[in-house]
Amino acid sequence: VKDEYGYYDVQNALAGIQVPLSEIHFCFQHTDSPWLRDMGPLVTRNASGHSLWFDAHVIRDGMKQRISADELPVHMVRSWNTELASTPLSLEGGMILCNGNGLILCASDALARNLQLGLDRASFESELSRVAGAREIVFLEPLIGEATGHVDLFVSFVDAHNVVLGQYCDD
């Protein structure tokens, strides 16, 4: 949120759909990008059910380092009862989607990027399984000409067994 009014807007929206605000933890952190889901840490749960944050490397041609996005995982560990783990993967949030039951939809660009950085396919898949709990990984080709290679631009899980799939039409 941009200011305290945005914070109250979020609270009101959540309360309006009966989300118990006592279960929500708000954190204020300066960021240099609105794309925190893509640039920030990847969040999962450890074996005991506590949140676990993976700090992946974000590398995009011509992109400056995202200093404040890199500070977020450290801030989360300090402020909340969370764990932080590193991963050698170069990954952005929009490159993977999880159904919550071990199925990962992964951008083929993510695999290609990590192969260029020296990981082999087996190591990439093994580390993605560790980070995201994947039991099955399905690689999807990105939209033609789309620079980020993200799969979240055209597919989204609505529950563990159903997806919404978009189609790009160039008129």
N, C-alpha and C. Protein backbone atom coordinates (compact mmCIF):
# COMPACT_ATOMS: atom_id res chain seq x y z
N VAL A 1 0.84 -1.18 0.00
CA VAL A 1 0.00 0.00 0.00
C VAL A 1 0.88 1.23 0.00
N LYS A 2 0.35 2.28 -0.55
CA LYS A 2 1.14 3.49 -0.71
C LYS A 2 1.17 4.34 0.57
N ASP A 3 0.08 4.35 1.33
CA ASP A 3 0.01 5.16 2.53
C ASP A 3 -0.97 4.53 3.50
N GLU A 4 -1.25 5.22 4.61
CA GLU A 4 -2.12 4.63 5.62
C GLU A 4 -3.55 4.44 5.11
N TYR A 5 -3.98 5.25 4.14
CA TYR A 5 -5.32 5.06 3.58
C TYR A 5 -5.40 3.73 2.83
N GLY A 6 -4.35 3.39 2.13
CA GLY A 6 -4.31 2.09 1.44
C GLY A 6 -4.36 0.94 2.42
N TYR A 7 -3.69 1.10 3.55
CA TYR A 7 -3.72 0.08 4.60
C TYR A 7 -5.14 -0.14 5.09
N TYR A 8 -5.87 0.95 5.34
CA TYR A 8 -7.26 0.82 5.79
C TYR A 8 -8.15 0.26 4.69
N ASP A 9 -7.88 0.60 3.45
CA ASP A 9 -8.64 0.03 2.33
C ASP A 9 -8.48 -1.49 2.29
N VAL A 10 -7.25 -1.96 2.49
CA VAL A 10 -6.98 -3.39 2.49
C VAL A 10 -7.70 -4.05 3.66
N GLN A 11 -7.60 -3.45 4.84
CA GLN A 11 -8.30 -4.01 6.01
C GLN A 11 -9.80 -4.10 5.76
N ASN A 12 -10.39 -3.05 5.22
CA ASN A 12 -11.83 -3.04 4.96
C ASN A 12 -12.22 -4.08 3.92
N ALA A 13 -11.40 -4.22 2.89
CA ALA A 13 -11.70 -5.21 1.85
C ALA A 13 -11.65 -6.63 2.43
N LEU A 14 -10.64 -6.91 3.24
CA LEU A 14 -10.53 -8.23 3.85
C LEU A 14 -11.68 -8.49 4.82
N ALA A 15 -12.00 -7.50 5.64
CA ALA A 15 -13.11 -7.64 6.58
C ALA A 15 -14.42 -7.84 5.83
N GLY A 16 -14.55 -7.18 4.68
CA GLY A 16 -15.77 -7.30 3.88
C GLY A 16 -16.03 -8.69 3.35
N ILE A 17 -14.98 -9.49 3.23
CA ILE A 17 -15.16 -10.88 2.79
C ILE A 17 -14.91 -11.86 3.95
N GLN A 18 -15.08 -11.36 5.15
CA GLN A 18 -15.00 -12.16 6.38
C GLN A 18 -13.65 -12.81 6.64
N VAL A 19 -12.58 -12.17 6.21
CA VAL A 19 -11.25 -12.66 6.57
C VAL A 19 -10.95 -12.13 7.96
N PRO A 20 -10.68 -13.02 8.91
CA PRO A 20 -10.40 -12.55 10.28
C PRO A 20 -9.09 -11.76 10.34
N LEU A 21 -9.19 -10.48 10.60
CA LEU A 21 -8.01 -9.62 10.61
C LEU A 21 -7.02 -10.02 11.70
N SER A 22 -7.48 -10.72 12.72
CA SER A 22 -6.56 -11.18 13.75
C SER A 22 -5.60 -12.25 13.21
N GLU A 23 -5.92 -12.82 12.05
CA GLU A 23 -5.08 -13.84 11.43
C GLU A 23 -4.14 -13.25 10.38
N ILE A 24 -4.25 -11.95 10.14
CA ILE A 24 -3.44 -11.28 9.13
C ILE A 24 -2.37 -10.44 9.81
N HIS A 25 -1.15 -10.56 9.32
CA HIS A 25 -0.03 -9.78 9.83
C HIS A 25 0.39 -8.80 8.74
N PHE A 26 0.34 -7.52 9.05
CA PHE A 26 0.74 -6.51 8.10
C PHE A 26 2.18 -6.11 8.37
N CYS A 27 2.91 -5.90 7.31
CA CYS A 27 4.30 -5.50 7.39
C CYS A 27 4.51 -4.34 6.44
N PHE A 28 5.13 -3.29 6.91
CA PHE A 28 5.41 -2.14 6.06
C PHE A 28 6.89 -2.16 5.72
N GLN A 29 7.17 -2.20 4.44
CA GLN A 29 8.54 -2.26 3.98
C GLN A 29 8.65 -1.42 2.72
N HIS A 30 9.61 -0.50 2.70
CA HIS A 30 9.86 0.28 1.50
C HIS A 30 10.28 -0.68 0.38
N THR A 31 9.79 -0.41 -0.80
CA THR A 31 10.20 -1.23 -1.94
C THR A 31 10.42 -0.34 -3.15
N ASP A 32 11.26 -0.78 -4.03
CA ASP A 32 11.56 0.00 -5.23
C ASP A 32 10.83 -0.54 -6.45
N SER A 33 9.87 -1.44 -6.24
CA SER A 33 9.12 -2.01 -7.34
C SER A 33 7.74 -2.43 -6.85
N PRO A 34 6.71 -2.24 -7.68
CA PRO A 34 5.38 -2.75 -7.30
C PRO A 34 5.28 -4.26 -7.52
N TRP A 35 6.28 -4.88 -8.08
CA TRP A 35 6.24 -6.28 -8.45
C TRP A 35 6.89 -7.15 -7.38
N LEU A 36 6.50 -6.98 -6.15
CA LEU A 36 7.12 -7.72 -5.06
C LEU A 36 6.93 -9.22 -5.19
N ARG A 37 5.81 -9.65 -5.73
CA ARG A 37 5.59 -11.08 -5.92
C ARG A 37 6.65 -11.66 -6.85
N ASP A 38 7.07 -10.88 -7.82
CA ASP A 38 8.07 -11.36 -8.77
C ASP A 38 9.49 -11.19 -8.25
N MET A 39 9.75 -10.09 -7.57
CA MET A 39 11.12 -9.77 -7.16
C MET A 39 11.44 -10.22 -5.74
N GLY A 40 10.41 -10.41 -4.94
CA GLY A 40 10.62 -10.75 -3.54
C GLY A 40 10.84 -12.24 -3.34
N PRO A 41 10.83 -12.66 -2.09
CA PRO A 41 11.09 -14.06 -1.77
C PRO A 41 9.92 -14.96 -2.16
N LEU A 42 10.21 -16.22 -2.34
CA LEU A 42 9.19 -17.24 -2.58
C LEU A 42 8.80 -17.83 -1.24
N VAL A 43 7.52 -17.97 -1.00
CA VAL A 43 7.05 -18.41 0.30
C VAL A 43 6.45 -19.81 0.20
N THR A 44 6.82 -20.66 1.14
CA THR A 44 6.27 -22.01 1.22
C THR A 44 6.13 -22.36 2.70
N ARG A 45 5.88 -23.58 3.00
CA ARG A 45 5.80 -24.04 4.39
C ARG A 45 6.81 -25.16 4.59
N ASN A 46 7.40 -25.19 5.80
CA ASN A 46 8.31 -26.28 6.11
C ASN A 46 7.51 -27.49 6.60
N ALA A 47 8.19 -28.56 6.95
CA ALA A 47 7.52 -29.80 7.34
C ALA A 47 6.61 -29.63 8.56
N SER A 48 6.93 -28.68 9.44
CA SER A 48 6.10 -28.46 10.62
C SER A 48 4.98 -27.45 10.38
N GLY A 49 4.87 -26.95 9.15
CA GLY A 49 3.77 -26.05 8.81
C GLY A 49 4.06 -24.57 8.96
N HIS A 50 5.26 -24.21 9.40
CA HIS A 50 5.62 -22.79 9.54
C HIS A 50 6.08 -22.23 8.19
N SER A 51 5.92 -20.92 8.04
CA SER A 51 6.32 -20.32 6.77
C SER A 51 7.84 -20.39 6.60
N LEU A 52 8.22 -20.60 5.37
CA LEU A 52 9.63 -20.68 5.00
C LEU A 52 9.80 -19.84 3.74
N TRP A 53 10.73 -18.92 3.80
CA TRP A 53 10.96 -17.98 2.70
C TRP A 53 12.26 -18.35 2.00
N PHE A 54 12.19 -18.48 0.67
CA PHE A 54 13.38 -18.76 -0.12
C PHE A 54 13.76 -17.50 -0.87
N ASP A 55 14.99 -17.12 -0.73
CA ASP A 55 15.49 -15.93 -1.40
C ASP A 55 16.19 -16.36 -2.68
N ALA A 56 15.45 -16.31 -3.80
CA ALA A 56 15.99 -16.70 -5.09
C ALA A 56 16.69 -15.51 -5.73
N HIS A 57 17.54 -15.79 -6.69
CA HIS A 57 18.24 -14.75 -7.43
C HIS A 57 17.35 -14.27 -8.56
N VAL A 58 17.23 -12.96 -8.70
CA VAL A 58 16.45 -12.38 -9.79
C VAL A 58 17.43 -11.68 -10.72
N ILE A 59 17.50 -12.17 -11.93
CA ILE A 59 18.42 -11.61 -12.92
C ILE A 59 17.62 -11.38 -14.20
N ARG A 60 17.56 -10.14 -14.62
CA ARG A 60 16.91 -9.83 -15.88
C ARG A 60 17.80 -8.85 -16.62
N ASP A 61 17.97 -9.07 -17.90
CA ASP A 61 18.83 -8.20 -18.69
C ASP A 61 18.45 -6.74 -18.49
N GLY A 62 19.46 -5.92 -18.24
CA GLY A 62 19.25 -4.49 -18.11
C GLY A 62 18.57 -4.06 -16.83
N MET A 63 18.36 -4.98 -15.89
CA MET A 63 17.65 -4.63 -14.65
C MET A 63 18.65 -4.34 -13.55
N LYS A 64 18.45 -3.23 -12.88
CA LYS A 64 19.28 -2.91 -11.73
C LYS A 64 18.94 -3.86 -10.60
N GLN A 65 19.83 -3.98 -9.67
CA GLN A 65 19.55 -4.78 -8.48
C GLN A 65 18.39 -4.17 -7.72
N ARG A 66 17.56 -4.99 -7.16
CA ARG A 66 16.41 -4.54 -6.38
C ARG A 66 16.78 -4.62 -4.90
N ILE A 67 17.44 -3.59 -4.43
CA ILE A 67 17.99 -3.61 -3.07
C ILE A 67 16.89 -3.79 -2.03
N SER A 68 15.80 -3.02 -2.10
CA SER A 68 14.78 -3.14 -1.06
C SER A 68 14.05 -4.47 -1.15
N ALA A 69 13.88 -5.03 -2.36
CA ALA A 69 13.26 -6.35 -2.47
C ALA A 69 14.17 -7.40 -1.84
N ASP A 70 15.47 -7.22 -1.96
CA ASP A 70 16.40 -8.15 -1.34
C ASP A 70 16.40 -8.02 0.18
N GLU A 71 16.00 -6.87 0.71
CA GLU A 71 15.94 -6.69 2.16
C GLU A 71 14.70 -7.33 2.78
N LEU A 72 13.66 -7.55 1.98
CA LEU A 72 12.40 -8.06 2.53
C LEU A 72 12.54 -9.38 3.27
N PRO A 73 13.20 -10.40 2.72
CA PRO A 73 13.29 -11.66 3.47
C PRO A 73 13.95 -11.49 4.84
N VAL A 74 15.00 -10.68 4.90
CA VAL A 74 15.68 -10.45 6.18
C VAL A 74 14.75 -9.75 7.15
N HIS A 75 13.99 -8.77 6.66
CA HIS A 75 13.02 -8.06 7.49
C HIS A 75 11.95 -9.02 8.01
N MET A 76 11.47 -9.93 7.16
CA MET A 76 10.43 -10.87 7.56
C MET A 76 10.92 -11.79 8.68
N VAL A 77 12.13 -12.30 8.54
CA VAL A 77 12.68 -13.18 9.56
C VAL A 77 12.81 -12.44 10.89
N ARG A 78 13.24 -11.18 10.81
CA ARG A 78 13.44 -10.38 12.01
C ARG A 78 12.11 -10.03 12.67
N SER A 79 11.07 -9.77 11.88
CA SER A 79 9.80 -9.28 12.40
C SER A 79 8.81 -10.39 12.76
N TRP A 80 8.87 -11.49 12.05
CA TRP A 80 7.89 -12.56 12.26
C TRP A 80 8.61 -13.85 12.59
N ASN A 81 7.84 -14.83 12.98
CA ASN A 81 8.40 -16.14 13.29
C ASN A 81 8.52 -16.94 11.99
N THR A 82 9.52 -16.59 11.19
CA THR A 82 9.71 -17.27 9.91
C THR A 82 11.15 -17.73 9.79
N GLU A 83 11.35 -18.57 8.81
CA GLU A 83 12.70 -19.03 8.49
C GLU A 83 13.06 -18.53 7.10
N LEU A 84 14.33 -18.37 6.85
CA LEU A 84 14.83 -17.94 5.56
C LEU A 84 15.85 -18.96 5.08
N ALA A 85 15.71 -19.39 3.85
CA ALA A 85 16.67 -20.32 3.26
C ALA A 85 17.11 -19.76 1.92
N SER A 86 18.31 -20.06 1.55
CA SER A 86 18.77 -19.59 0.24
C SER A 86 18.58 -20.72 -0.77
N THR A 87 18.61 -20.32 -2.00
CA THR A 87 18.53 -21.28 -3.10
C THR A 87 19.40 -20.75 -4.24
N PRO A 88 20.07 -21.63 -4.94
CA PRO A 88 20.87 -21.16 -6.07
C PRO A 88 20.03 -20.84 -7.31
N LEU A 89 18.73 -21.09 -7.24
CA LEU A 89 17.88 -20.87 -8.41
C LEU A 89 17.75 -19.39 -8.74
N SER A 90 17.74 -19.10 -10.02
CA SER A 90 17.35 -17.78 -10.50
C SER A 90 15.89 -17.93 -10.87
N LEU A 91 15.04 -17.25 -10.13
CA LEU A 91 13.61 -17.47 -10.27
C LEU A 91 12.85 -16.22 -9.90
N GLU A 92 11.80 -15.94 -10.62
CA GLU A 92 10.88 -14.86 -10.28
C GLU A 92 9.54 -15.48 -9.97
N GLY A 93 8.80 -14.83 -9.10
CA GLY A 93 7.52 -15.37 -8.66
C GLY A 93 6.58 -15.75 -9.79
N GLY A 94 6.51 -14.97 -10.83
CA GLY A 94 5.59 -15.25 -11.93
C GLY A 94 6.02 -16.39 -12.83
N MET A 95 7.19 -16.96 -12.54
CA MET A 95 7.68 -18.07 -13.36
C MET A 95 7.19 -19.42 -12.89
N ILE A 96 6.64 -19.48 -11.68
CA ILE A 96 6.11 -20.74 -11.19
C ILE A 96 4.74 -20.52 -10.56
N LEU A 97 3.89 -21.50 -10.71
CA LEU A 97 2.59 -21.53 -10.06
C LEU A 97 2.44 -22.90 -9.43
N CYS A 98 1.93 -22.94 -8.21
CA CYS A 98 1.75 -24.19 -7.48
C CYS A 98 0.27 -24.42 -7.22
N ASN A 99 -0.16 -25.66 -7.30
CA ASN A 99 -1.56 -25.95 -7.00
C ASN A 99 -1.77 -26.32 -5.53
N GLY A 100 -0.71 -26.37 -4.75
CA GLY A 100 -0.82 -26.71 -3.34
C GLY A 100 -0.78 -28.20 -3.06
N ASN A 101 -0.78 -29.01 -4.11
CA ASN A 101 -0.73 -30.46 -3.96
C ASN A 101 0.46 -31.07 -4.67
N GLY A 102 1.51 -30.29 -4.91
CA GLY A 102 2.73 -30.82 -5.49
C GLY A 102 2.88 -30.64 -6.99
N LEU A 103 1.88 -30.04 -7.66
CA LEU A 103 2.00 -29.77 -9.09
C LEU A 103 2.51 -28.34 -9.29
N ILE A 104 3.59 -28.21 -10.04
CA ILE A 104 4.17 -26.90 -10.34
C ILE A 104 4.09 -26.68 -11.84
N LEU A 105 3.53 -25.52 -12.22
CA LEU A 105 3.61 -25.07 -13.60
C LEU A 105 4.78 -24.11 -13.64
N CYS A 106 5.75 -24.39 -14.49
CA CYS A 106 6.99 -23.62 -14.51
C CYS A 106 7.28 -23.11 -15.91
N ALA A 107 7.69 -21.87 -15.99
CA ALA A 107 8.07 -21.30 -17.28
C ALA A 107 9.31 -21.99 -17.82
N SER A 108 9.27 -22.34 -19.08
CA SER A 108 10.46 -22.95 -19.70
C SER A 108 11.63 -21.97 -19.65
N ASP A 109 11.33 -20.67 -19.62
CA ASP A 109 12.40 -19.66 -19.50
C ASP A 109 13.17 -19.81 -18.19
N ALA A 110 12.49 -20.24 -17.12
CA ALA A 110 13.17 -20.43 -15.84
C ALA A 110 14.21 -21.54 -15.95
N LEU A 111 13.83 -22.63 -16.60
CA LEU A 111 14.79 -23.71 -16.81
C LEU A 111 15.94 -23.23 -17.68
N ALA A 112 15.64 -22.56 -18.78
CA ALA A 112 16.69 -22.08 -19.69
C ALA A 112 17.65 -21.14 -18.97
N ARG A 113 17.12 -20.22 -18.16
CA ARG A 113 17.96 -19.27 -17.43
C ARG A 113 18.91 -20.01 -16.48
N ASN A 114 18.40 -20.99 -15.76
CA ASN A 114 19.22 -21.71 -14.80
C ASN A 114 20.23 -22.63 -15.48
N LEU A 115 19.89 -23.16 -16.65
CA LEU A 115 20.87 -23.93 -17.43
C LEU A 115 22.02 -23.03 -17.84
N GLN A 116 21.71 -21.79 -18.25
CA GLN A 116 22.76 -20.83 -18.63
C GLN A 116 23.65 -20.48 -17.44
N LEU A 117 23.10 -20.54 -16.24
CA LEU A 117 23.87 -20.21 -15.04
C LEU A 117 24.63 -21.41 -14.48
N GLY A 118 24.55 -22.56 -15.17
CA GLY A 118 25.37 -23.70 -14.79
C GLY A 118 24.65 -24.85 -14.11
N LEU A 119 23.38 -24.71 -13.80
CA LEU A 119 22.64 -25.85 -13.22
C LEU A 119 22.22 -26.78 -14.36
N ASP A 120 22.27 -28.08 -14.12
CA ASP A 120 21.72 -29.00 -15.11
C ASP A 120 20.23 -29.20 -14.80
N ARG A 121 19.51 -29.81 -15.72
CA ARG A 121 18.05 -29.96 -15.57
C ARG A 121 17.69 -30.73 -14.29
N ALA A 122 18.40 -31.81 -14.01
CA ALA A 122 18.10 -32.61 -12.82
C ALA A 122 18.30 -31.79 -11.54
N SER A 123 19.36 -31.00 -11.49
CA SER A 123 19.61 -30.15 -10.32
C SER A 123 18.54 -29.08 -10.18
N PHE A 124 18.15 -28.48 -11.31
CA PHE A 124 17.09 -27.47 -11.29
C PHE A 124 15.80 -28.07 -10.75
N GLU A 125 15.40 -29.21 -11.28
CA GLU A 125 14.15 -29.84 -10.85
C GLU A 125 14.21 -30.28 -9.40
N SER A 126 15.35 -30.79 -8.98
CA SER A 126 15.51 -31.21 -7.58
C SER A 126 15.39 -30.02 -6.63
N GLU A 127 16.05 -28.90 -6.98
CA GLU A 127 16.00 -27.71 -6.13
C GLU A 127 14.61 -27.09 -6.15
N LEU A 128 13.94 -27.08 -7.30
CA LEU A 128 12.58 -26.56 -7.37
C LEU A 128 11.65 -27.43 -6.53
N SER A 129 11.87 -28.71 -6.51
CA SER A 129 11.08 -29.60 -5.66
C SER A 129 11.30 -29.27 -4.19
N ARG A 130 12.54 -29.00 -3.81
CA ARG A 130 12.85 -28.64 -2.43
C ARG A 130 12.21 -27.31 -2.06
N VAL A 131 12.32 -26.34 -2.94
CA VAL A 131 11.83 -24.99 -2.65
C VAL A 131 10.31 -24.93 -2.66
N ALA A 132 9.69 -25.58 -3.62
CA ALA A 132 8.24 -25.41 -3.81
C ALA A 132 7.42 -26.66 -3.50
N GLY A 133 8.07 -27.71 -3.05
CA GLY A 133 7.33 -28.92 -2.73
C GLY A 133 6.80 -29.66 -3.94
N ALA A 134 7.47 -29.50 -5.07
CA ALA A 134 6.99 -30.10 -6.32
C ALA A 134 7.17 -31.61 -6.32
N ARG A 135 6.12 -32.29 -6.68
CA ARG A 135 6.20 -33.72 -6.97
C ARG A 135 6.12 -33.94 -8.48
N GLU A 136 5.53 -32.96 -9.16
CA GLU A 136 5.44 -32.99 -10.62
C GLU A 136 5.65 -31.58 -11.15
N ILE A 137 6.51 -31.44 -12.14
CA ILE A 137 6.79 -30.14 -12.75
C ILE A 137 6.40 -30.21 -14.22
N VAL A 138 5.55 -29.28 -14.63
CA VAL A 138 5.14 -29.17 -16.02
C VAL A 138 5.70 -27.85 -16.55
N PHE A 139 6.49 -27.93 -17.61
CA PHE A 139 7.07 -26.72 -18.20
C PHE A 139 6.14 -26.17 -19.28
N LEU A 140 5.90 -24.87 -19.21
CA LEU A 140 5.04 -24.18 -20.17
C LEU A 140 5.86 -23.16 -20.94
N GLU A 141 5.56 -23.04 -22.21
CA GLU A 141 6.21 -22.04 -23.04
C GLU A 141 5.57 -20.68 -22.77
N PRO A 142 6.37 -19.62 -22.74
CA PRO A 142 5.81 -18.29 -22.49
C PRO A 142 5.05 -17.77 -23.70
N LEU A 143 4.34 -16.68 -23.50
CA LEU A 143 3.69 -16.00 -24.62
C LEU A 143 4.76 -15.51 -25.58
N ILE A 144 4.50 -15.64 -26.84
CA ILE A 144 5.47 -15.20 -27.85
C ILE A 144 5.68 -13.69 -27.74
N GLY A 145 6.94 -13.30 -27.62
CA GLY A 145 7.29 -11.89 -27.57
C GLY A 145 7.15 -11.24 -26.21
N GLU A 146 6.72 -11.97 -25.21
CA GLU A 146 6.55 -11.41 -23.87
C GLU A 146 7.89 -11.50 -23.15
N ALA A 147 8.39 -10.39 -22.65
CA ALA A 147 9.77 -10.28 -22.17
C ALA A 147 10.06 -11.02 -20.87
N THR A 148 9.11 -11.13 -19.95
CA THR A 148 9.42 -11.73 -18.64
C THR A 148 9.43 -13.24 -18.68
N GLY A 149 8.69 -13.85 -19.59
CA GLY A 149 8.60 -15.31 -19.63
C GLY A 149 7.75 -15.88 -18.52
N HIS A 150 6.94 -15.06 -17.89
CA HIS A 150 6.12 -15.52 -16.76
C HIS A 150 4.89 -16.29 -17.21
N VAL A 151 4.57 -17.35 -16.50
CA VAL A 151 3.37 -18.12 -16.80
C VAL A 151 2.12 -17.52 -16.16
N ASP A 152 2.31 -16.70 -15.12
CA ASP A 152 1.14 -16.13 -14.44
C ASP A 152 0.42 -15.09 -15.29
N LEU A 153 0.94 -14.80 -16.48
CA LEU A 153 0.28 -13.87 -17.39
C LEU A 153 -0.84 -14.54 -18.17
N PHE A 154 -0.84 -15.88 -18.22
CA PHE A 154 -1.86 -16.55 -19.02
C PHE A 154 -2.49 -17.78 -18.37
N VAL A 155 -2.04 -18.14 -17.17
CA VAL A 155 -2.64 -19.27 -16.48
C VAL A 155 -2.64 -19.00 -14.98
N SER A 156 -3.69 -19.48 -14.31
CA SER A 156 -3.78 -19.33 -12.86
C SER A 156 -4.59 -20.48 -12.28
N PHE A 157 -4.12 -21.04 -11.18
CA PHE A 157 -4.90 -22.05 -10.48
C PHE A 157 -6.05 -21.37 -9.76
N VAL A 158 -7.25 -21.91 -9.87
CA VAL A 158 -8.38 -21.43 -9.08
C VAL A 158 -8.63 -22.36 -7.90
N ASP A 159 -8.14 -23.58 -8.00
CA ASP A 159 -8.08 -24.51 -6.88
C ASP A 159 -7.07 -25.58 -7.28
N ALA A 160 -6.95 -26.64 -6.50
CA ALA A 160 -5.91 -27.63 -6.75
C ALA A 160 -6.07 -28.39 -8.07
N HIS A 161 -7.28 -28.37 -8.64
CA HIS A 161 -7.54 -29.19 -9.82
C HIS A 161 -8.00 -28.41 -11.05
N ASN A 162 -8.16 -27.10 -10.93
CA ASN A 162 -8.68 -26.31 -12.04
C ASN A 162 -7.82 -25.07 -12.27
N VAL A 163 -7.68 -24.73 -13.56
CA VAL A 163 -6.94 -23.54 -13.94
C VAL A 163 -7.81 -22.68 -14.84
N VAL A 164 -7.50 -21.40 -14.84
CA VAL A 164 -8.03 -20.48 -15.83
C VAL A 164 -6.89 -20.26 -16.82
N LEU A 165 -7.18 -20.42 -18.08
CA LEU A 165 -6.18 -20.29 -19.12
C LEU A 165 -6.58 -19.17 -20.04
N GLY A 166 -5.68 -18.22 -20.24
CA GLY A 166 -5.95 -17.11 -21.13
C GLY A 166 -5.41 -17.38 -22.52
N GLN A 167 -5.97 -16.70 -23.48
CA GLN A 167 -5.50 -16.79 -24.85
C GLN A 167 -5.23 -15.39 -25.35
N TYR A 168 -4.06 -15.18 -25.88
CA TYR A 168 -3.71 -13.86 -26.41
C TYR A 168 -4.16 -13.79 -27.86
N CYS A 169 -4.91 -12.76 -28.17
CA CYS A 169 -5.36 -12.55 -29.55
C CYS A 169 -4.82 -11.22 -30.03
N ASP A 170 -4.03 -11.27 -31.08
CA ASP A 170 -3.46 -10.06 -31.66
C ASP A 170 -4.36 -9.59 -32.79
N ASP A 171 -5.16 -8.56 -32.52
CA ASP A 171 -6.10 -8.07 -33.54
C ASP A 171 -5.48 -7.06 -34.45
